[in-house]
Amino acid sequence: MKHVYPELMANQAVIEEITTTEEERFSNTLETGLSLVEELIEGAISQGEKLLPSKQVFQLYDTYGFPPELTAEIAGERGLSIDWEG
């Protein structure tokens, strides 16, 4: 690759630093978000709900950066769906 994209080799240290920083940030986002998703799911289950409100799913994304697709996947594993219409 270094012959095709010499700028990658020239900027390798910066690229590695940025990538590592982004990985750490996303890891923190996931850690915080997973806790919040679990709270949301537990609340829905305790109230006998089968749908998570899309407004709360969006809030997790907008406020904490937690991906809605991941929320939907986790909810699905627990037998819940997202109310995308509501």
Protein backbone atom coordinates (compact mmCIF):
# COMPACT_ATOMS: atom_id res chain seq x y z
CA MET A 1 0.00 0.00 0.00
CA LYS A 2 2.83 2.39 0.69
CA HIS A 3 3.56 2.66 -3.02
CA VAL A 4 -0.03 3.40 -3.94
CA TYR A 5 -0.85 5.64 -0.96
CA PRO A 6 2.43 7.16 0.27
CA GLU A 7 0.52 9.69 2.41
CA LEU A 8 -0.64 6.83 4.64
CA MET A 9 2.93 5.97 5.56
CA ALA A 10 3.84 9.63 5.99
CA ASN A 11 0.92 10.16 8.38
CA GLN A 12 0.84 6.76 10.05
CA ALA A 13 1.38 8.03 13.61
CA VAL A 14 -1.37 10.64 13.31
CA ILE A 15 -3.77 8.12 11.75
CA GLU A 16 -3.09 5.61 14.53
CA GLU A 17 -3.61 8.26 17.22
CA ILE A 18 -6.90 9.44 15.73
CA THR A 19 -8.13 5.87 15.29
CA THR A 20 -7.24 4.96 18.87
CA THR A 21 -8.96 8.07 20.22
CA GLU A 22 -12.11 7.33 18.22
CA GLU A 23 -12.14 3.72 19.40
CA GLU A 24 -11.86 4.86 23.03
CA ARG A 25 -14.66 7.41 22.59
CA PHE A 26 -16.95 4.87 20.97
CA SER A 27 -16.16 2.36 23.71
CA ASN A 28 -17.24 4.95 26.29
CA THR A 29 -20.37 5.68 24.27
CA LEU A 30 -21.23 1.98 24.20
CA GLU A 31 -20.59 1.55 27.91
CA THR A 32 -22.85 4.46 28.84
CA GLY A 33 -25.45 3.61 26.23
CA LEU A 34 -25.70 -0.06 27.16
CA SER A 35 -26.53 0.90 30.71
CA LEU A 36 -29.22 3.32 29.54
CA VAL A 37 -30.67 0.84 27.06
CA GLU A 38 -30.93 -1.77 29.81
CA GLU A 39 -32.79 0.74 32.01
CA LEU A 40 -35.15 1.54 29.14
CA ILE A 41 -35.78 -2.14 28.40
CA GLU A 42 -36.27 -3.08 32.05
CA GLY A 43 -38.77 -0.24 32.43
CA ALA A 44 -40.73 -1.40 29.40
CA ILE A 45 -40.72 -5.03 30.52
CA SER A 46 -41.82 -4.13 34.04
CA GLN A 47 -44.77 -2.22 32.57
CA GLY A 48 -45.70 -5.09 30.26
CA GLU A 49 -44.77 -3.16 27.13
CA LYS A 50 -43.60 -4.84 23.93
CA LEU A 51 -42.49 -1.65 22.17
CA LEU A 52 -39.83 0.89 23.06
CA PRO A 53 -40.83 4.46 22.17
CA SER A 54 -38.86 5.76 19.19
CA LYS A 55 -38.58 9.12 20.97
CA GLN A 56 -36.50 7.52 23.74
CA VAL A 57 -34.43 5.55 21.23
CA PHE A 58 -33.71 8.79 19.36
CA GLN A 59 -32.82 10.52 22.63
CA LEU A 60 -30.21 7.83 23.31
CA TYR A 61 -28.75 8.56 19.89
CA ASP A 62 -29.03 12.34 19.99
CA THR A 63 -27.81 12.81 23.55
CA TYR A 64 -25.38 9.93 24.02
CA GLY A 65 -24.50 8.89 20.47
CA PHE A 66 -25.83 5.37 21.00
CA PRO A 67 -26.77 3.83 17.63
CA PRO A 68 -30.51 3.16 17.17
CA GLU A 69 -29.70 -0.02 15.23
CA LEU A 70 -27.88 -1.39 18.27
CA THR A 71 -30.77 -0.42 20.55
CA ALA A 72 -33.14 -2.28 18.21
CA GLU A 73 -30.89 -5.34 18.18
CA ILE A 74 -30.61 -5.46 21.98
CA ALA A 75 -34.34 -4.88 22.38
CA GLY A 76 -35.04 -7.68 19.91
CA GLU A 77 -32.90 -10.06 21.95
CA ARG A 78 -35.14 -9.27 24.91
CA GLY A 79 -38.37 -9.75 22.94
CA LEU A 80 -39.10 -6.06 22.34
CA SER A 81 -39.39 -3.94 19.22
CA ILE A 82 -39.03 -0.24 18.51
CA ASP A 83 -42.18 1.77 17.83
CA TRP A 84 -40.74 3.53 14.77
CA GLU A 85 -44.20 4.83 13.86
CA GLY A 86 -44.80 6.54 17.20
